[in-house]
Amino acid sequence: MSDGDSFYQKVRRETARLLGYEGTDNLPADQATRLDLATALRLGLDDMQARLLRGESVDVSKMLAATQELSRLLPTPAPAPRRDGTSARERLRAIVLAAIEADRAKRGSPRGRSAAGKAKHVERATGGARRPSPAFCAGVCRACG
């Protein structure tokens, strides 16, 4: 097999993966035709891009047509999952809770107090028996709720 044949086979295998095919052997006729067309379009686009990089002129309308046809042949990719692993519902919940906290802070409710204010509140709530950390009141104390 020559280098040209192996390059073609490599591009064909990559295109098959893009199309979601398991392999390039024993494909039904419609899948094989679609694969061959997509491979030819990719090779044509690669050639046009190489000519552009060499400073040669390229027919932009042909390049655009090939790009559009290739994008029509390839399936649309599924949206990538968020890297932080949170769902839309969890993000919305965090936004709503932050807005509630900001509103409480404006109104001066116990959760919106400073660390010193929380410590005083806890001291009053526990009858001064002990002095917990200021973070104790953040949702744990019944009075702060």
Foldseek 3Di string as FASTA:
>chain_A
DDPVVVVLLVLLQVLCVQQVHPGQPPDPPVSNVLSVLLSVLVVVLVVQVVCVVVVHDDDVVVNVVSVVVNVVSGDDDDDDDDPVNDDPVVVVVVVVVVVVQVVCLVVVAQLNDDLVSQQVVVCVVVVVPDGDGSCCLNPNDPRSD
